[in-house]
Protein backbone atom coordinates (compact mmCIF):
# COMPACT_ATOMS: atom_id res chain seq x y z
CA UNK A 1 175.05 12.49 112.31
CA UNK A 2 172.20 15.36 112.45
CA UNK A 3 170.83 17.12 109.59
CA UNK A 4 169.52 20.34 109.58
CA UNK A 5 166.82 20.71 106.75
CA UNK A 6 166.79 24.41 105.48
CA UNK A 7 163.77 23.58 102.87
CA UNK A 8 162.12 20.39 103.43
CA UNK A 9 160.57 18.22 106.09
CA UNK A 10 162.97 15.58 108.01
CA UNK A 11 160.06 13.86 108.36
CA UNK A 12 158.95 13.69 104.60
CA UNK A 13 162.22 14.46 102.48
CA UNK A 14 162.00 14.35 98.66
CA UNK A 15 164.06 11.99 98.22
CA UNK A 16 166.89 14.22 96.61
CA UNK A 17 168.66 17.00 98.16
CA UNK A 18 171.50 19.42 97.92
CA UNK A 19 173.36 18.62 100.84
CA UNK A 20 175.69 21.50 101.72
CA UNK A 21 178.97 22.43 104.20
CA UNK A 22 180.65 25.48 106.09
CA UNK A 23 183.66 25.85 106.38
CA UNK A 24 185.29 28.47 109.11
CA UNK A 25 188.15 30.19 107.05
CA UNK A 26 185.88 30.37 103.85
CA UNK A 27 182.77 32.38 105.46
CA UNK A 28 181.25 33.76 102.18
CA UNK A 29 181.91 30.36 100.41
CA UNK A 30 179.43 27.07 100.74
CA UNK A 31 180.76 23.39 99.56
CA UNK A 32 178.21 21.33 98.25
CA UNK A 33 176.91 17.74 96.79
CA UNK A 34 173.93 16.51 95.20
CA UNK A 35 172.24 13.54 97.14
CA UNK A 36 169.80 11.01 95.61
CA UNK A 37 167.60 8.24 96.77
CA UNK A 38 166.78 6.04 94.20
CA UNK A 39 163.21 4.11 94.60
CA UNK A 40 164.50 1.05 93.17
CA UNK A 41 167.62 -0.43 94.74
CA UNK A 42 170.23 -1.13 92.02
CA UNK A 43 172.51 -4.15 91.71
CA UNK A 44 175.21 -2.82 89.31
CA UNK A 45 177.51 -6.21 89.48
CA UNK A 46 175.08 -6.81 86.76
CA UNK A 47 175.89 -3.99 84.88
CA UNK A 48 179.45 -3.42 85.06
CA UNK A 49 182.67 -4.86 83.48
CA UNK A 50 185.06 -6.48 86.00
CA UNK A 51 188.00 -3.98 84.52
CA UNK A 52 185.48 -1.14 86.42
CA UNK A 53 184.95 -2.86 89.40
CA UNK A 54 188.17 -1.79 91.22
CA UNK A 55 187.61 1.83 90.07
CA UNK A 56 184.67 1.91 91.63
CA UNK A 57 186.14 1.73 95.36
CA UNK A 58 183.38 1.38 98.48
CA UNK A 59 180.41 1.83 96.17
CA UNK A 60 178.09 -0.84 97.42
CA UNK A 61 177.50 -2.35 93.74
CA UNK A 62 175.49 -5.08 94.82
CA UNK A 63 173.15 -2.73 96.91
CA UNK A 64 173.11 0.90 95.59
CA UNK A 65 170.14 3.17 97.27
CA UNK A 66 171.82 6.29 97.82
CA UNK A 67 174.61 7.84 96.51
CA UNK A 68 176.41 11.87 96.59
CA UNK A 69 177.23 13.29 93.13
CA UNK A 70 180.33 14.64 93.86
CA UNK A 71 181.42 12.06 96.06
CA UNK A 72 183.64 15.30 97.72
CA UNK A 73 181.65 18.45 98.50
CA UNK A 74 182.57 21.24 95.72
CA UNK A 75 182.74 24.86 96.61
CA UNK A 76 179.62 26.41 94.80
CA UNK A 77 179.99 29.89 95.86
CA UNK A 78 177.57 32.03 98.24
CA UNK A 79 174.50 30.15 100.56
CA UNK A 80 171.74 32.45 98.69
CA UNK A 81 172.96 30.46 95.22
CA UNK A 82 171.94 27.37 96.39
CA UNK A 83 169.63 27.97 98.26
CA UNK A 84 167.75 29.63 94.39
CA UNK A 85 168.97 26.15 92.95
CA UNK A 86 166.55 24.25 95.62
CA UNK A 87 164.16 26.39 94.95
CA UNK A 88 163.77 26.20 91.13
CA UNK A 89 164.74 22.10 91.57
CA UNK A 90 162.22 21.78 94.37
CA UNK A 91 165.26 19.70 96.44
CA UNK A 92 165.62 19.72 100.04
CA UNK A 93 168.42 21.91 100.87
CA UNK A 94 170.33 20.41 104.13
CA UNK A 95 172.93 21.66 106.30
CA UNK A 96 175.74 18.90 107.19
CA UNK A 97 177.34 20.97 109.49
CA UNK A 98 181.40 22.53 109.44
CA UNK A 99 184.49 21.14 107.62
CA UNK A 100 188.09 21.55 106.51
CA UNK A 101 188.23 21.94 102.50
CA UNK A 102 191.92 20.78 103.15
CA UNK A 103 190.94 17.62 104.08
CA UNK A 104 189.77 15.75 100.80
CA UNK A 105 189.33 11.93 102.19
CA UNK A 106 187.65 13.24 105.47
CA UNK A 107 185.57 15.73 103.22
CA UNK A 108 184.46 12.13 101.36
CA UNK A 109 183.59 10.78 104.74
CA UNK A 110 181.67 13.42 106.22
CA UNK A 111 179.21 13.60 102.86
CA UNK A 112 179.16 9.86 102.96
CA UNK A 113 178.05 9.27 106.57
CA UNK A 114 175.33 12.64 105.90
CA UNK A 115 173.95 10.40 102.78
CA UNK A 116 173.45 7.43 105.12
CA UNK A 117 171.40 9.48 106.86
CA UNK A 118 169.42 11.25 104.74
CA UNK A 119 168.65 7.40 103.37
CA UNK A 120 167.43 6.51 106.79
CA UNK A 121 165.28 9.39 107.11
CA UNK A 122 163.88 8.60 103.66
CA UNK A 123 163.38 4.88 104.41
CA UNK A 124 161.75 5.87 107.87
CA UNK A 125 159.49 7.83 105.85
CA UNK A 126 158.45 5.35 103.45
CA UNK A 127 158.01 2.75 106.12
CA UNK A 128 155.51 5.40 108.46
CA UNK A 129 153.71 5.87 105.56
CA UNK A 130 153.63 2.60 103.30
CA UNK A 131 154.05 2.70 99.38
CA UNK A 132 152.49 5.48 97.49
CA UNK A 133 149.64 2.96 96.40
CA UNK A 134 149.03 1.91 100.05
CA UNK A 135 148.84 5.48 101.10
CA UNK A 136 145.94 6.23 98.57
CA UNK A 137 144.05 3.25 99.19
CA UNK A 138 143.87 3.95 102.68
CA UNK A 139 142.55 8.09 102.46
CA UNK A 140 140.01 6.58 100.03
CA UNK A 141 139.02 3.35 101.28
CA UNK A 142 139.33 1.83 97.51
CA UNK A 143 141.29 -1.01 97.08
CA UNK A 144 140.74 -1.51 93.34
CA UNK A 145 143.30 -1.22 90.95
CA UNK A 146 142.19 1.83 89.16
CA UNK A 147 142.63 3.37 92.60
CA UNK A 148 146.33 2.61 93.08
CA UNK A 149 147.33 2.58 89.52
CA UNK A 150 148.02 6.67 89.32
CA UNK A 151 150.36 6.94 92.30
CA UNK A 152 153.46 5.47 90.76
CA UNK A 153 153.36 7.64 87.39
CA UNK A 154 155.65 10.36 88.52
CA UNK A 155 158.70 8.34 89.46
CA UNK A 156 158.30 6.68 86.20
CA UNK A 157 158.39 9.89 84.58
CA UNK A 158 160.92 11.17 86.25
CA UNK A 159 163.57 7.86 85.45
CA UNK A 160 164.53 9.50 81.78
CA UNK A 161 167.00 12.05 83.60
CA UNK A 162 170.30 11.29 82.73
CA UNK A 163 171.44 12.43 86.26
CA UNK A 164 170.04 9.07 87.33
CA UNK A 165 171.42 7.29 84.64
CA UNK A 166 173.41 4.35 85.84
CA UNK A 167 175.86 4.95 83.28
CA UNK A 168 176.37 8.71 83.68
CA UNK A 169 177.42 7.65 87.41
CA UNK A 170 179.81 4.51 86.10
CA UNK A 171 181.67 6.70 83.67
CA UNK A 172 182.29 9.46 86.32
CA UNK A 173 184.39 7.27 88.25
CA UNK A 174 186.19 5.85 84.81
CA UNK A 175 190.03 6.90 83.70
CA UNK A 176 190.56 8.67 80.39
CA UNK A 177 191.96 5.28 79.29
CA UNK A 178 189.27 3.22 80.22
CA UNK A 179 186.56 5.53 79.07
CA UNK A 180 188.61 4.74 75.98
CA UNK A 181 188.24 1.40 76.05
CA UNK A 182 184.35 1.51 77.17
CA UNK A 183 183.93 3.77 73.77
CA UNK A 184 185.90 1.65 71.31
CA UNK A 185 183.75 -1.67 73.14
CA UNK A 186 180.62 0.65 72.39
CA UNK A 187 181.49 1.35 68.43
CA UNK A 188 182.06 -2.40 68.15
CA UNK A 189 178.50 -2.97 69.14
CA UNK A 190 177.27 0.08 67.01
CA UNK A 191 178.94 -1.17 64.03
CA UNK A 192 177.66 -4.63 64.14
CA UNK A 193 173.98 -3.94 64.68
CA UNK A 194 174.30 -1.11 61.85
CA UNK A 195 175.71 -4.13 59.46
CA UNK A 196 173.12 -6.57 60.76
CA UNK A 197 170.39 -3.52 60.53
CA UNK A 198 169.70 -3.73 63.92
CA UNK A 199 167.99 -0.45 64.04
CA UNK A 200 166.77 -0.78 68.22
CA UNK A 201 170.27 -1.74 69.32
CA UNK A 202 172.02 0.98 67.10
CA UNK A 203 169.90 3.66 68.50
CA UNK A 204 170.62 1.89 72.24
CA UNK A 205 174.25 1.76 71.89
CA UNK A 206 173.97 5.50 70.32
CA UNK A 207 172.83 6.69 73.59
CA UNK A 208 175.43 5.20 75.58
CA UNK A 209 177.61 6.67 73.11
CA UNK A 210 176.23 10.58 73.84
CA UNK A 211 176.13 9.98 77.35
CA UNK A 212 179.87 8.70 77.02
CA UNK A 213 180.85 11.88 75.02
CA UNK A 214 179.77 14.07 77.67
CA UNK A 215 182.65 12.75 79.98
CA UNK A 216 185.30 13.29 77.41
CA UNK A 217 187.04 16.49 76.16
CA UNK A 218 185.69 18.11 73.72
CA UNK A 219 188.03 18.14 71.21
CA UNK A 220 187.97 14.62 71.07
CA UNK A 221 184.65 15.15 68.60
CA UNK A 222 182.82 11.78 70.14
CA UNK A 223 179.99 13.26 68.56
CA UNK A 224 181.71 13.14 65.20
CA UNK A 225 182.71 9.65 65.34
CA UNK A 226 178.92 8.62 66.38
CA UNK A 227 177.82 10.16 62.90
CA UNK A 228 180.12 8.39 60.99
CA UNK A 229 179.79 5.19 63.07
CA UNK A 230 176.04 5.16 62.62
CA UNK A 231 176.52 4.73 58.30
CA UNK A 232 178.02 1.20 57.24
CA UNK A 233 179.65 2.48 53.69
CA UNK A 234 183.38 2.12 53.62
CA UNK A 235 184.22 5.97 53.71
CA UNK A 236 182.43 6.03 56.89
CA UNK A 237 184.56 3.13 58.59
CA UNK A 238 187.79 4.55 57.67
CA UNK A 239 186.30 7.50 59.36
CA UNK A 240 185.54 5.79 62.30
CA UNK A 241 188.80 4.34 62.75
CA UNK A 242 190.45 7.67 62.19
CA UNK A 243 188.31 9.47 64.81
CA UNK A 244 188.80 6.42 67.34
CA UNK A 245 192.79 6.39 66.92
CA UNK A 246 193.00 10.27 66.84
CA UNK A 247 191.46 10.06 70.18
CA UNK A 248 193.68 7.40 72.01
CA UNK A 249 196.39 9.93 70.24
CA UNK A 250 195.49 12.90 71.88
CA UNK A 251 194.72 11.10 75.32
CA UNK A 252 198.43 9.95 75.27
CA UNK A 253 199.51 13.48 74.38
CA UNK A 254 200.50 12.94 70.83
CA UNK A 255 199.70 16.31 69.78
CA UNK A 256 201.52 15.60 65.95
CA UNK A 257 200.13 12.27 65.23
CA UNK A 258 196.53 13.52 65.71
CA UNK A 259 197.37 16.39 63.69
CA UNK A 260 198.11 13.96 61.02
CA UNK A 261 194.99 11.97 61.57
CA UNK A 262 192.90 15.35 61.42
CA UNK A 263 194.17 15.82 58.18
CA UNK A 264 193.83 12.40 57.28
CA UNK A 265 190.14 13.03 58.33
CA UNK A 266 189.26 16.25 56.50
CA UNK A 267 191.04 14.87 53.00
CA UNK A 268 189.08 11.55 53.37
CA UNK A 269 185.57 14.06 53.84
CA UNK A 270 186.45 16.02 51.25
CA UNK A 271 186.43 12.91 48.76
CA UNK A 272 183.24 12.49 46.71
């Protein structure tokens, strides 16, 4: 598959790109997805619970090195907006060709093929230049640790970006019922950490719940649930149970039962 770089250099890709396609019947709209190549290959089988593996389809769990999100390109409006975003974010802007917007399986297949091609270009560029540390040493003629150490720093600084977070990817593939099951599991870990005064674990689990909250409806009020779960008082424990039960009721479409639980929550919160 041939990719056309509107922005960036195919001989030296940045490793992250806005990939877009055009549809003949929609001349004013482009369809796009975001491609990421990871500097370190990830073996997700270490982190994915067995119940979740079946939801990830053909995703290469044992050797994840590049992916597109969303997996099916989405309509994003005019090309000018995509061009503006690529400039602001310093992304490669890559054209993948024409497609039919009504053929979702083919759109996903085409995007996957484009990801593989882009990833190969990144691999080829690294093979020619070597690692960042080797390139610096060749230019400066200095093999000391001092000359090699600064090169990896930019990659380390980018890691906290949630867009590259493994959990962010995994949660996006979960069904709502699986997300609630994962939420229940995390809350159990959080309560155990809080009861044992293990602040480090409590903070770590709290961050996972915060990421998961972004993939659940706002009216589930997961952030409120997290707040009470951080407190080990009897009142907070009761509130946490009411909140999680309310989430399951809302997911099941039981609005009446969810309203009763909301009334109980408000009543309990009003108590001194």
